[in-house]
PDB file of N, CA and C in Angstrom:
ATOM      1  N   UNK A   1    -164.629  71.962-115.462  1.00  0.00           N
ATOM      2  CA  UNK A   1    -164.632  71.848-114.099  1.00  0.00           C
ATOM      3  C   UNK A   1    -164.725  70.719-113.687  1.00  0.00           C
ATOM      4  N   UNK A   2    -165.762  69.860-114.149  1.00  0.00           N
ATOM      5  CA  UNK A   2    -166.050  68.737-113.621  1.00  0.00           C
ATOM      6  C   UNK A   2    -164.965  67.766-114.097  1.00  0.00           C
ATOM      7  N   UNK A   3    -164.296  67.698-114.979  1.00  0.00           N
ATOM      8  CA  UNK A   3    -162.962  67.134-115.465  1.00  0.00           C
ATOM      9  C   UNK A   3    -162.028  67.441-114.084  1.00  0.00           C
ATOM     10  N   UNK A   4    -161.583  68.520-113.812  1.00  0.00           N
ATOM     11  CA  UNK A   4    -160.711  68.791-112.629  1.00  0.00           C
ATOM     12  C   UNK A   4    -160.949  68.187-111.379  1.00  0.00           C
ATOM     13  N   UNK A   5    -162.420  68.608-111.055  1.00  0.00           N
ATOM     14  CA  UNK A   5    -162.777  67.806-109.943  1.00  0.00           C
ATOM     15  C   UNK A   5    -162.771  66.408-109.826  1.00  0.00           C
ATOM     16  N   UNK A   6    -163.022  65.663-110.826  1.00  0.00           N
ATOM     17  CA  UNK A   6    -162.828  64.062-111.340  1.00  0.00           C
ATOM     18  C   UNK A   6    -161.166  64.114-110.899  1.00  0.00           C
ATOM     19  N   UNK A   7    -160.466  64.635-111.362  1.00  0.00           N
ATOM     20  CA  UNK A   7    -158.829  64.374-111.260  1.00  0.00           C
ATOM     21  C   UNK A   7    -158.478  64.607-109.987  1.00  0.00           C
ATOM     22  N   UNK A   8    -159.107  65.743-109.400  1.00  0.00           N
ATOM     23  CA  UNK A   8    -158.646  65.989-107.849  1.00  0.00           C
ATOM     24  C   UNK A   8    -159.102  64.677-106.837  1.00  0.00           C
ATOM     25  N   UNK A   9    -160.472  64.434-107.304  1.00  0.00           N
ATOM     26  CA  UNK A   9    -160.963  62.974-106.257  1.00  0.00           C
ATOM     27  C   UNK A   9    -160.004  61.887-106.575  1.00  0.00           C
ATOM     28  N   UNK A  10    -159.499  61.883-107.862  1.00  0.00           N
ATOM     29  CA  UNK A  10    -158.880  60.599-108.134  1.00  0.00           C
ATOM     30  C   UNK A  10    -157.213  60.808-107.555  1.00  0.00           C
ATOM     31  N   UNK A  11    -156.726  61.647-107.912  1.00  0.00           N
ATOM     32  CA  UNK A  11    -155.707  62.119-107.013  1.00  0.00           C
ATOM     33  C   UNK A  11    -155.610  61.900-105.274  1.00  0.00           C
ATOM     34  N   UNK A  12    -156.890  62.426-104.922  1.00  0.00           N
ATOM     35  CA  UNK A  12    -156.892  62.307-103.167  1.00  0.00           C
ATOM     36  C   UNK A  12    -156.979  60.818-102.948  1.00  0.00           C
ATOM     37  N   UNK A  13    -157.732  59.918-103.942  1.00  0.00           N
ATOM     38  CA  UNK A  13    -157.804  58.563-103.384  1.00  0.00           C
ATOM     39  C   UNK A  13    -156.652  57.827-103.753  1.00  0.00           C
ATOM     40  N   UNK A  14    -155.863  58.112-104.759  1.00  0.00           N
ATOM     41  CA  UNK A  14    -154.421  57.520-104.884  1.00  0.00           C
ATOM     42  C   UNK A  14    -153.583  57.849-103.949  1.00  0.00           C
ATOM     43  N   UNK A  15    -153.636  58.969-103.350  1.00  0.00           N
ATOM     44  CA  UNK A  15    -152.761  59.354-102.194  1.00  0.00           C
ATOM     45  C   UNK A  15    -153.088  58.753-101.019  1.00  0.00           C
ATOM     46  N   UNK A  16    -154.541  58.703-100.585  1.00  0.00           N
ATOM     47  CA  UNK A  16    -155.045  57.778 -99.410  1.00  0.00           C
ATOM     48  C   UNK A  16    -154.415  56.473 -99.525  1.00  0.00           C
ATOM     49  N   UNK A  17    -154.907  56.095-100.918  1.00  0.00           N
ATOM     50  CA  UNK A  17    -154.369  54.405-100.804  1.00  0.00           C
ATOM     51  C   UNK A  17    -152.971  54.124-100.727  1.00  0.00           C
ATOM     52  N   UNK A  18    -152.299  55.040-101.287  1.00  0.00           N
ATOM     53  CA  UNK A  18    -150.705  54.957-100.992  1.00  0.00           C
ATOM     54  C   UNK A  18    -150.409  55.077 -99.498  1.00  0.00           C
ATOM     55  N   UNK A  19    -150.584  55.716 -98.902  1.00  0.00           N
ATOM     56  CA  UNK A  19    -150.668  56.048 -97.512  1.00  0.00           C
ATOM     57  C   UNK A  19    -150.833  55.050 -96.774  1.00  0.00           C
ATOM     58  N   UNK A  20    -152.139  54.256 -96.952  1.00  0.00           N
ATOM     59  CA  UNK A  20    -152.666  53.107 -96.312  1.00  0.00           C
ATOM     60  C   UNK A  20    -151.865  52.068 -96.610  1.00  0.00           C
ATOM     61  N   UNK A  21    -151.381  51.963 -97.662  1.00  0.00           N
ATOM     62  CA  UNK A  21    -150.412  50.787 -98.179  1.00  0.00           C
ATOM     63  C   UNK A  21    -149.380  50.878 -97.269  1.00  0.00           C
ATOM     64  N   UNK A  22    -148.752  52.108 -97.171  1.00  0.00           N
ATOM     65  CA  UNK A  22    -147.098  52.134 -96.574  1.00  0.00           C
ATOM     66  C   UNK A  22    -147.310  51.849 -95.010  1.00  0.00           C
ATOM     67  N   UNK A  23    -148.401  52.217 -94.656  1.00  0.00           N
ATOM     68  CA  UNK A  23    -148.948  52.166 -92.862  1.00  0.00           C
ATOM     69  C   UNK A  23    -149.128  50.577 -92.617  1.00  0.00           C
ATOM     70  N   UNK A  24    -149.793  50.022 -93.622  1.00  0.00           N
ATOM     71  CA  UNK A  24    -149.887  48.674 -93.487  1.00  0.00           C
ATOM     72  C   UNK A  24    -148.838  47.684 -93.503  1.00  0.00           C
ATOM     73  N   UNK A  25    -147.900  48.107 -94.501  1.00  0.00           N
ATOM     74  CA  UNK A  25    -146.343  47.327 -94.629  1.00  0.00           C
ATOM     75  C   UNK A  25    -145.683  47.656 -93.350  1.00  0.00           C
ATOM     76  N   UNK A  26    -145.672  48.961 -92.858  1.00  0.00           N
ATOM     77  CA  UNK A  26    -145.020  49.075 -91.707  1.00  0.00           C
ATOM     78  C   UNK A  26    -145.546  48.212 -90.395  1.00  0.00           C
ATOM     79  N   UNK A  27    -146.904  48.111 -90.391  1.00  0.00           N
ATOM     80  CA  UNK A  27    -147.281  47.436 -89.071  1.00  0.00           C
ATOM     81  C   UNK A  27    -147.306  46.085 -89.211  1.00  0.00           C
ATOM     82  N   UNK A  28    -147.101  45.623 -90.773  1.00  0.00           N
ATOM     83  CA  UNK A  28    -146.914  44.037 -90.957  1.00  0.00           C
ATOM     84  C   UNK A  28    -145.430  43.782 -90.742  1.00  0.00           C
ATOM     85  N   UNK A  29    -144.502  44.532 -91.005  1.00  0.00           N
ATOM     86  CA  UNK A  29    -143.148  44.154 -90.430  1.00  0.00           C
ATOM     87  C   UNK A  29    -142.935  44.529 -89.013  1.00  0.00           C
ATOM     88  N   UNK A  30    -143.732  45.377 -87.972  1.00  0.00           N
ATOM     89  CA  UNK A  30    -143.666  45.530 -86.430  1.00  0.00           C
ATOM     90  C   UNK A  30    -144.296  44.358 -86.091  1.00  0.00           C
ATOM     91  N   UNK A  31    -145.197  43.607 -86.807  1.00  0.00           N
ATOM     92  CA  UNK A  31    -146.062  42.683 -85.984  1.00  0.00           C
ATOM     93  C   UNK A  31    -144.894  41.642 -86.395  1.00  0.00           C
ATOM     94  N   UNK A  32    -144.311  41.140 -87.157  1.00  0.00           N
ATOM     95  CA  UNK A  32    -143.704  40.016 -87.522  1.00  0.00           C
ATOM     96  C   UNK A  32    -142.312  40.222 -86.707  1.00  0.00           C
ATOM     97  N   UNK A  33    -141.574  41.482 -86.236  1.00  0.00           N
ATOM     98  CA  UNK A  33    -140.622  41.392 -85.216  1.00  0.00           C
ATOM     99  C   UNK A  33    -141.322  41.024 -83.863  1.00  0.00           C
ATOM    100  N   UNK A  34    -142.455  41.511 -83.557  1.00  0.00           N
ATOM    101  CA  UNK A  34    -142.948  41.179 -82.192  1.00  0.00           C
ATOM    102  C   UNK A  34    -143.073  39.807 -82.046  1.00  0.00           C
ATOM    103  N   UNK A  35    -143.577  39.235 -82.962  1.00  0.00           N
ATOM    104  CA  UNK A  35    -144.012  37.596 -83.038  1.00  0.00           C
ATOM    105  C   UNK A  35    -142.542  37.080 -82.703  1.00  0.00           C
ATOM    106  N   UNK A  36    -141.608  37.554 -83.436  1.00  0.00           N
ATOM    107  CA  UNK A  36    -140.114  36.958 -83.210  1.00  0.00           C
ATOM    108  C   UNK A  36    -139.768  37.040 -81.728  1.00  0.00           C
ATOM    109  N   UNK A  37    -139.878  38.235 -80.981  1.00  0.00           N
ATOM    110  CA  UNK A  37    -139.733  38.421 -79.726  1.00  0.00           C
ATOM    111  C   UNK A  37    -140.451  37.605 -78.765  1.00  0.00           C
ATOM    112  N   UNK A  38    -141.654  37.817 -79.302  1.00  0.00           N
ATOM    113  CA  UNK A  38    -142.785  36.660 -78.243  1.00  0.00           C
ATOM    114  C   UNK A  38    -142.117  35.320 -78.442  1.00  0.00           C
ATOM    115  N   UNK A  39    -141.786  34.622 -79.414  1.00  0.00           N
ATOM    116  CA  UNK A  39    -141.547  33.410 -79.600  1.00  0.00           C
ATOM    117  C   UNK A  39    -140.219  33.151 -79.004  1.00  0.00           C
ATOM    118  N   UNK A  40    -139.310  34.340 -78.962  1.00  0.00           N
ATOM    119  CA  UNK A  40    -138.091  33.774 -78.141  1.00  0.00           C
ATOM    120  C   UNK A  40    -138.397  33.908 -76.632  1.00  0.00           C
ATOM    121  N   UNK A  41    -139.007  34.726 -76.270  1.00  0.00           N
ATOM    122  CA  UNK A  41    -139.168  34.823 -74.821  1.00  0.00           C
ATOM    123  C   UNK A  41    -140.366  33.926 -74.081  1.00  0.00           C
ATOM    124  N   UNK A  42    -141.172  33.547 -75.055  1.00  0.00           N
ATOM    125  CA  UNK A  42    -142.036  32.243 -74.423  1.00  0.00           C
ATOM    126  C   UNK A  42    -141.640  31.252 -73.540  1.00  0.00           C
ATOM    127  N   UNK A  43    -140.352  30.642 -74.253  1.00  0.00           N
ATOM    128  CA  UNK A  43    -139.987  29.378 -73.518  1.00  0.00           C
ATOM    129  C   UNK A  43    -139.271  29.919 -72.197  1.00  0.00           C
ATOM    130  N   UNK A  44    -138.849  31.201 -71.900  1.00  0.00           N
ATOM    131  CA  UNK A  44    -138.190  31.673 -70.660  1.00  0.00           C
ATOM    132  C   UNK A  44    -138.924  31.977 -70.052  1.00  0.00           C
ATOM    133  N   UNK A  45    -140.416  32.267 -70.167  1.00  0.00           N
ATOM    134  CA  UNK A  45    -141.216  32.791 -69.087  1.00  0.00           C
ATOM    135  C   UNK A  45    -141.765  31.305 -68.232  1.00  0.00           C
ATOM    136  N   UNK A  46    -142.001  30.213 -69.047  1.00  0.00           N
ATOM    137  CA  UNK A  46    -142.162  28.980 -68.389  1.00  0.00           C
ATOM    138  C   UNK A  46    -141.102  28.638 -67.788  1.00  0.00           C
ATOM    139  N   UNK A  47    -140.008  28.660 -68.106  1.00  0.00           N
ATOM    140  CA  UNK A  47    -138.865  28.442 -67.180  1.00  0.00           C
ATOM    141  C   UNK A  47    -138.876  29.259 -65.619  1.00  0.00           C
ATOM    142  N   UNK A  48    -138.792  30.428 -66.334  1.00  0.00           N
ATOM    143  CA  UNK A  48    -138.701  31.328 -64.799  1.00  0.00           C
ATOM    144  C   UNK A  48    -140.045  31.313 -63.945  1.00  0.00           C
ATOM    145  N   UNK A  49    -141.101  30.711 -64.244  1.00  0.00           N
ATOM    146  CA  UNK A  49    -142.034  30.529 -63.518  1.00  0.00           C
ATOM    147  C   UNK A  49    -142.595  29.208 -63.271  1.00  0.00           C
ATOM    148  N   UNK A  50    -141.444  28.328 -62.943  1.00  0.00           N
ATOM    149  CA  UNK A  50    -141.822  27.074 -62.738  1.00  0.00           C
ATOM    150  C   UNK A  50    -142.445  26.519 -61.530  1.00  0.00           C
ATOM    151  N   UNK A  51    -142.489  27.608 -60.205  1.00  0.00           N
ATOM    152  CA  UNK A  51    -143.344  27.470 -59.120  1.00  0.00           C
ATOM    153  C   UNK A  51    -144.767  27.536 -59.490  1.00  0.00           C
ATOM    154  N   UNK A  52    -144.983  28.281 -60.381  1.00  0.00           N
ATOM    155  CA  UNK A  52    -146.457  28.707 -60.643  1.00  0.00           C
ATOM    156  C   UNK A  52    -146.954  27.753 -61.272  1.00  0.00           C
ATOM    157  N   UNK A  53    -146.175  26.987 -62.338  1.00  0.00           N
ATOM    158  CA  UNK A  53    -146.732  25.969 -63.309  1.00  0.00           C
ATOM    159  C   UNK A  53    -146.776  24.782 -62.335  1.00  0.00           C
ATOM    160  N   UNK A  54    -145.984  24.352 -61.376  1.00  0.00           N
ATOM    161  CA  UNK A  54    -146.256  23.247 -60.768  1.00  0.00           C
ATOM    162  C   UNK A  54    -147.296  23.488 -59.810  1.00  0.00           C
ATOM    163  N   UNK A  55    -147.336  24.656 -59.248  1.00  0.00           N
ATOM    164  CA  UNK A  55    -148.661  24.874 -58.293  1.00  0.00           C
ATOM    165  C   UNK A  55    -150.202  24.455 -59.290  1.00  0.00           C
ATOM    166  N   UNK A  56    -149.983  24.904 -60.702  1.00  0.00           N
ATOM    167  CA  UNK A  56    -151.200  24.696 -61.555  1.00  0.00           C
ATOM    168  C   UNK A  56    -151.462  23.220 -61.594  1.00  0.00           C
ATOM    169  N   UNK A  57    -150.231  22.597 -62.246  1.00  0.00           N
ATOM    170  CA  UNK A  57    -150.287  21.183 -61.926  1.00  0.00           C
ATOM    171  C   UNK A  57    -150.965  20.624 -60.964  1.00  0.00           C
ATOM    172  N   UNK A  58    -150.647  20.751 -59.566  1.00  0.00           N
ATOM    173  CA  UNK A  58    -151.204  20.188 -58.241  1.00  0.00           C
ATOM    174  C   UNK A  58    -152.704  20.705 -58.268  1.00  0.00           C
ATOM    175  N   UNK A  59    -153.053  22.074 -58.674  1.00  0.00           N
ATOM    176  CA  UNK A  59    -154.437  22.179 -58.439  1.00  0.00           C
ATOM    177  C   UNK A  59    -155.339  21.413 -59.459  1.00  0.00           C
ATOM    178  N   UNK A  60    -154.683  21.055 -60.502  1.00  0.00           N
ATOM    179  CA  UNK A  60    -155.257  20.240 -61.497  1.00  0.00           C
ATOM    180  C   UNK A  60    -155.618  18.765 -60.997  1.00  0.00           C
ATOM    181  N   UNK A  61    -154.994  18.518 -59.589  1.00  0.00           N
ATOM    182  CA  UNK A  61    -155.049  16.878 -59.389  1.00  0.00           C
ATOM    183  C   UNK A  61    -153.845  16.494 -59.363  1.00  0.00           C
ATOM    184  N   UNK A  62    -152.723  16.812 -59.402  1.00  0.00           N
ATOM    185  CA  UNK A  62    -151.500  16.027 -59.613  1.00  0.00           C
ATOM    186  C   UNK A  62    -150.743  16.007 -58.155  1.00  0.00           C
ATOM    187  N   UNK A  63    -150.129  15.142 -57.783  1.00  0.00           N
ATOM    188  CA  UNK A  63    -149.383  14.953 -56.782  1.00  0.00           C
ATOM    189  C   UNK A  63    -148.160  16.044 -56.843  1.00  0.00           C
ATOM    190  N   UNK A  64    -147.583  16.316 -55.697  1.00  0.00           N
ATOM    191  CA  UNK A  64    -146.373  17.255 -55.758  1.00  0.00           C
ATOM    192  C   UNK A  64    -145.428  16.749 -57.063  1.00  0.00           C
ATOM    193  N   UNK A  65    -145.147  15.304 -56.412  1.00  0.00           N
ATOM    194  CA  UNK A  65    -144.090  14.556 -57.247  1.00  0.00           C
ATOM    195  C   UNK A  65    -144.390  14.633 -58.421  1.00  0.00           C
ATOM    196  N   UNK A  66    -145.599  14.282 -58.802  1.00  0.00           N
ATOM    197  CA  UNK A  66    -146.199  14.221 -60.480  1.00  0.00           C
ATOM    198  C   UNK A  66    -145.667  15.617 -61.206  1.00  0.00           C
ATOM    199  N   UNK A  67    -146.321  16.725 -60.406  1.00  0.00           N
ATOM    200  CA  UNK A  67    -146.101  17.937 -60.813  1.00  0.00           C
ATOM    201  C   UNK A  67    -144.599  18.483 -61.010  1.00  0.00           C
ATOM    202  N   UNK A  68    -143.892  18.184 -60.149  1.00  0.00           N
ATOM    203  CA  UNK A  68    -142.301  18.032 -60.443  1.00  0.00           C
ATOM    204  C   UNK A  68    -141.977  17.648 -61.628  1.00  0.00           C
ATOM    205  N   UNK A  69    -142.257  16.065 -61.858  1.00  0.00           N
ATOM    206  CA  UNK A  69    -141.617  15.418 -62.809  1.00  0.00           C
ATOM    207  C   UNK A  69    -142.104  15.898 -64.037  1.00  0.00           C
ATOM    208  N   UNK A  70    -143.299  16.263 -64.071  1.00  0.00           N
ATOM    209  CA  UNK A  70    -144.234  16.866 -65.450  1.00  0.00           C
ATOM    210  C   UNK A  70    -143.292  18.071 -65.641  1.00  0.00           C
ATOM    211  N   UNK A  71    -142.973  18.993 -64.612  1.00  0.00           N
ATOM    212  CA  UNK A  71    -142.379  20.281 -65.140  1.00  0.00           C
ATOM    213  C   UNK A  71    -140.804  19.830 -65.584  1.00  0.00           C
ATOM    214  N   UNK A  72    -140.066  19.038 -65.195  1.00  0.00           N
ATOM    215  CA  UNK A  72    -138.903  18.388 -65.434  1.00  0.00           C
ATOM    216  C   UNK A  72    -138.859  17.962 -67.000  1.00  0.00           C
ATOM    217  N   UNK A  73    -139.841  17.217 -67.264  1.00  0.00           N
ATOM    218  CA  UNK A  73    -139.995  16.801 -68.493  1.00  0.00           C
ATOM    219  C   UNK A  73    -140.151  17.783 -69.609  1.00  0.00           C
ATOM    220  N   UNK A  74    -141.108  18.996 -69.079  1.00  0.00           N
ATOM    221  CA  UNK A  74    -141.354  20.001 -70.133  1.00  0.00           C
ATOM    222  C   UNK A  74    -140.245  20.740 -70.324  1.00  0.00           C
ATOM    223  N   UNK A  75    -139.089  20.722 -69.461  1.00  0.00           N
ATOM    224  CA  UNK A  75    -137.815  21.596 -69.180  1.00  0.00           C
ATOM    225  C   UNK A  75    -136.891  20.791 -70.165  1.00  0.00           C
ATOM    226  N   UNK A  76    -137.231  19.496 -70.208  1.00  0.00           N
ATOM    227  CA  UNK A  76    -136.193  18.450 -71.095  1.00  0.00           C
ATOM    228  C   UNK A  76    -136.517  18.656 -72.484  1.00  0.00           C
ATOM    229  N   UNK A  77    -137.980  18.472 -72.633  1.00  0.00           N
ATOM    230  CA  UNK A  77    -138.492  18.713 -73.929  1.00  0.00           C
ATOM    231  C   UNK A  77    -138.016  20.196 -74.725  1.00  0.00           C
ATOM    232  N   UNK A  78    -138.009  21.013 -73.824  1.00  0.00           N
ATOM    233  CA  UNK A  78    -137.643  22.662 -74.476  1.00  0.00           C
ATOM    234  C   UNK A  78    -136.011  22.511 -74.897  1.00  0.00           C
ATOM    235  N   UNK A  79    -135.301  21.961 -74.097  1.00  0.00           N
ATOM    236  CA  UNK A  79    -134.035  21.811 -74.142  1.00  0.00           C
ATOM    237  C   UNK A  79    -133.830  21.076 -75.500  1.00  0.00           C
ATOM    238  N   UNK A  80    -134.200  20.051 -75.615  1.00  0.00           N
ATOM    239  CA  UNK A  80    -134.408  18.983 -77.027  1.00  0.00           C
ATOM    240  C   UNK A  80    -134.494  19.893 -78.147  1.00  0.00           C
ATOM    241  N   UNK A  81    -135.428  20.723 -78.114  1.00  0.00           N
ATOM    242  CA  UNK A  81    -135.948  21.563 -79.203  1.00  0.00           C
ATOM    243  C   UNK A  81    -135.055  22.694 -79.152  1.00  0.00           C
ATOM    244  N   UNK A  82    -134.100  23.139 -78.402  1.00  0.00           N
ATOM    245  CA  UNK A  82    -133.554  24.398 -78.494  1.00  0.00           C
ATOM    246  C   UNK A  82    -133.986  25.673 -77.848  1.00  0.00           C
ATOM    247  N   UNK A  83    -135.143  25.363 -77.244  1.00  0.00           N
ATOM    248  CA  UNK A  83    -135.823  26.618 -76.648  1.00  0.00           C
ATOM    249  C   UNK A  83    -135.117  26.983 -75.334  1.00  0.00           C
ATOM    250  N   UNK A  84    -134.249  26.242 -74.910  1.00  0.00           N
ATOM    251  CA  UNK A  84    -133.291  26.880 -73.449  1.00  0.00           C
ATOM    252  C   UNK A  84    -131.951  27.104 -73.816  1.00  0.00           C
ATOM    253  N   UNK A  85    -131.549  28.234 -73.704  1.00  0.00           N
ATOM    254  CA  UNK A  85    -129.943  28.338 -73.680  1.00  0.00           C
ATOM    255  C   UNK A  85    -129.518  28.653 -72.358  1.00  0.00           C
ATOM    256  N   UNK A  86    -128.534  28.011 -72.187  1.00  0.00           N
ATOM    257  CA  UNK A  86    -128.009  28.374 -70.562  1.00  0.00           C
ATOM    258  C   UNK A  86    -126.536  29.104 -70.764  1.00  0.00           C
TER     259      UNK A  86
END
């Protein structure tokens, strides 16, 4: 009887471990896909919200001209890195 219970506990443990491993693998794949999507979208978010970014530069003490120049430089850097596709 004790041997049967031990085998049952072992089988249950192995099944649980297998289920956890499969779920972890699925979540890892999903996280990797989401990271790719976020990476692709992050450059677009900055480009689409230029007014907010310029306003932030100005709140941080830059003039409007400096802020616009900094934004233009940021866009140029993103273009050079291939982060912006027209």
